[in-house]
Amino acid sequence: MWHHYGLDLGTEWRARRFRKLLNAIDGLPRHSGFVEALTSDDDWAEQVLAAGEPENLPARRMSEWSPVVEQLTNILDAVREQTAVAVAAAGGKPNKVKPSPRPKTALERVRKRRRTEQHRSLVARLLPHKAADG
């Protein structure tokens, strides 16, 4: 906590500033010592697996999305695509290439929600029997 926020964990704990501590923990970057310790804990891993696999992996956080990370992600995706091309050229069947996760902004979420609403509205008008099913 000191490294990222200048907070003394003991002082904050004794002052019972639990909300402040939880907010600070939630804001720690993925490369923090806390996240390393958490993801190295076998009991934590057991609990995560017992809860079931998440349907969607979390996207990258915008606060960690620098121009360097963006370019490295683009390079990684290009390498994966080229690997699939090489496998196909050799006569194999390449796996579908999924793009690496990127941050999702509120603007993108709202655009997607509007497109979905427009689609449902159109289906309801043109194919009312289909709209009732789904």
Protein backbone atom coordinates (compact mmCIF):
# COMPACT_ATOMS: atom_id res chain seq x y z
CA MET A 1 0.00 0.00 0.00
CA TRP A 2 2.85 2.34 0.77
CA HIS A 3 4.42 1.85 -2.65
CA HIS A 4 1.27 2.71 -4.62
CA TYR A 5 -0.64 5.07 -2.31
CA GLY A 6 1.69 6.14 0.46
CA LEU A 7 -0.69 4.49 2.95
CA ASP A 8 0.52 2.72 6.06
CA LEU A 9 -1.58 -0.43 6.26
CA GLY A 10 -1.28 -0.70 10.06
CA THR A 11 -2.30 2.91 10.65
CA GLU A 12 -5.31 2.66 8.36
CA TRP A 13 -6.37 -0.65 9.94
CA ARG A 14 -6.11 0.65 13.51
CA ALA A 15 -8.09 3.76 12.50
CA ARG A 16 -10.77 1.35 11.17
CA ARG A 17 -10.72 2.96 7.73
CA PHE A 18 -11.90 -0.25 6.10
CA ARG A 19 -13.68 1.36 3.14
CA LYS A 20 -10.54 3.33 2.29
CA LEU A 21 -8.46 0.14 2.47
CA LEU A 22 -10.90 -1.83 0.31
CA ASN A 23 -10.97 0.95 -2.29
CA ALA A 24 -7.17 1.07 -2.29
CA ILE A 25 -6.94 -2.72 -2.68
CA ASP A 26 -9.44 -2.66 -5.57
CA GLY A 27 -7.34 0.00 -7.30
CA LEU A 28 -4.04 -1.87 -7.08
CA PRO A 29 -2.51 -2.67 -10.46
CA ARG A 30 -2.19 -6.28 -11.60
CA HIS A 31 1.57 -6.16 -11.07
CA SER A 32 1.29 -5.28 -7.35
CA GLY A 33 2.69 -7.45 -4.60
CA PHE A 34 -0.84 -7.98 -3.22
CA VAL A 35 -2.09 -9.42 -6.50
CA GLU A 36 1.02 -11.60 -6.75
CA ALA A 37 0.44 -12.94 -3.23
CA LEU A 38 -3.26 -13.49 -3.87
CA THR A 39 -2.75 -15.37 -7.13
CA SER A 40 -0.05 -17.52 -5.51
CA ASP A 41 -2.42 -18.67 -2.74
CA ASP A 42 -3.71 -22.23 -3.25
CA ASP A 43 -6.72 -21.67 -0.95
CA TRP A 44 -7.75 -18.63 -3.00
CA ALA A 45 -7.43 -20.68 -6.22
CA GLU A 46 -9.61 -23.44 -4.72
CA GLN A 47 -12.31 -20.89 -3.85
CA VAL A 48 -12.21 -19.34 -7.31
CA LEU A 49 -12.57 -22.73 -8.99
CA ALA A 50 -15.34 -23.77 -6.58
CA ALA A 51 -17.27 -20.64 -7.59
CA GLY A 52 -17.15 -21.73 -11.25
CA GLU A 53 -15.34 -20.33 -14.24
CA PRO A 54 -16.45 -16.84 -15.27
CA GLU A 55 -18.20 -16.66 -18.63
CA ASN A 56 -16.29 -13.59 -19.75
CA LEU A 57 -12.75 -12.89 -18.69
CA PRO A 58 -12.35 -9.34 -17.47
CA ALA A 59 -11.13 -6.81 -19.98
CA ARG A 60 -8.00 -4.82 -19.32
CA ARG A 61 -8.38 -1.81 -17.08
CA MET A 62 -8.07 1.55 -18.80
CA SER A 63 -5.69 2.71 -16.06
CA GLU A 64 -3.22 0.00 -17.15
CA TRP A 65 -3.70 0.56 -20.91
CA SER A 66 -0.68 2.58 -22.00
CA PRO A 67 0.42 3.20 -25.60
CA VAL A 68 3.17 0.60 -25.07
CA VAL A 69 0.70 -2.02 -23.83
CA GLU A 70 -1.60 -1.23 -26.76
CA GLN A 71 1.19 -1.75 -29.29
CA LEU A 72 2.38 -4.95 -27.61
CA THR A 73 -1.19 -6.27 -27.66
CA ASN A 74 -1.46 -5.46 -31.37
CA ILE A 75 1.83 -7.28 -32.02
CA LEU A 76 0.66 -10.31 -30.03
CA ASP A 77 -2.56 -10.48 -32.04
CA ALA A 78 -0.61 -10.19 -35.31
CA VAL A 79 1.74 -13.01 -34.27
CA ARG A 80 -1.24 -15.22 -33.41
CA GLU A 81 -2.83 -14.48 -36.79
CA GLN A 82 0.42 -15.24 -38.63
CA THR A 83 0.73 -18.50 -36.71
CA ALA A 84 -2.77 -19.47 -37.85
CA VAL A 85 -1.84 -18.60 -41.45
CA ALA A 86 1.31 -20.74 -41.21
CA VAL A 87 -0.67 -23.69 -39.83
CA ALA A 88 -3.22 -23.34 -42.64
CA ALA A 89 -0.49 -23.06 -45.28
CA ALA A 90 1.05 -26.28 -43.98
CA GLY A 91 -2.28 -28.04 -44.48
CA GLY A 92 -3.41 -27.96 -40.88
CA LYS A 93 -6.57 -26.62 -39.38
CA PRO A 94 -5.73 -23.54 -37.29
CA ASN A 95 -7.62 -22.66 -34.16
CA LYS A 96 -9.81 -19.58 -34.30
CA VAL A 97 -7.73 -16.56 -33.32
CA LYS A 98 -9.32 -14.59 -30.48
CA PRO A 99 -8.09 -11.02 -30.04
CA SER A 100 -6.40 -10.18 -26.75
CA PRO A 101 -8.54 -8.35 -24.20
CA ARG A 102 -8.74 -4.60 -24.45
CA PRO A 103 -10.34 -2.03 -22.16
CA LYS A 104 -14.05 -1.46 -22.58
CA THR A 105 -15.30 2.07 -22.18
CA ALA A 106 -18.78 3.25 -21.25
CA LEU A 107 -19.16 4.62 -24.78
CA GLU A 108 -18.58 1.15 -26.26
CA ARG A 109 -20.99 -0.48 -23.80
CA VAL A 110 -23.73 2.05 -24.58
CA ARG A 111 -23.21 1.66 -28.35
CA LYS A 112 -23.50 -2.12 -28.02
CA ARG A 113 -26.61 -1.83 -25.84
CA ARG A 114 -28.25 0.54 -28.37
CA ARG A 115 -27.45 -1.81 -31.28
CA THR A 116 -28.97 -4.70 -29.35
CA GLU A 117 -32.09 -2.67 -28.53
CA GLN A 118 -32.47 -1.60 -32.19
CA HIS A 119 -32.08 -5.21 -33.32
CA ARG A 120 -34.70 -6.45 -30.85
CA SER A 121 -37.07 -3.67 -31.88
CA LEU A 122 -36.69 -4.56 -35.55
CA VAL A 123 -37.19 -8.28 -34.87
CA ALA A 124 -40.30 -7.47 -32.83
CA ARG A 125 -41.77 -5.47 -35.71
CA LEU A 126 -40.85 -7.80 -38.56
CA LEU A 127 -40.98 -11.19 -36.85
CA PRO A 128 -43.22 -10.92 -33.82
CA HIS A 129 -43.32 -14.70 -33.39
CA LYS A 130 -39.51 -14.75 -33.08
CA ALA A 131 -39.39 -11.82 -30.68
CA ALA A 132 -41.71 -13.61 -28.26
CA ASP A 133 -39.33 -16.62 -28.17
CA GLY A 134 -36.16 -14.80 -27.26
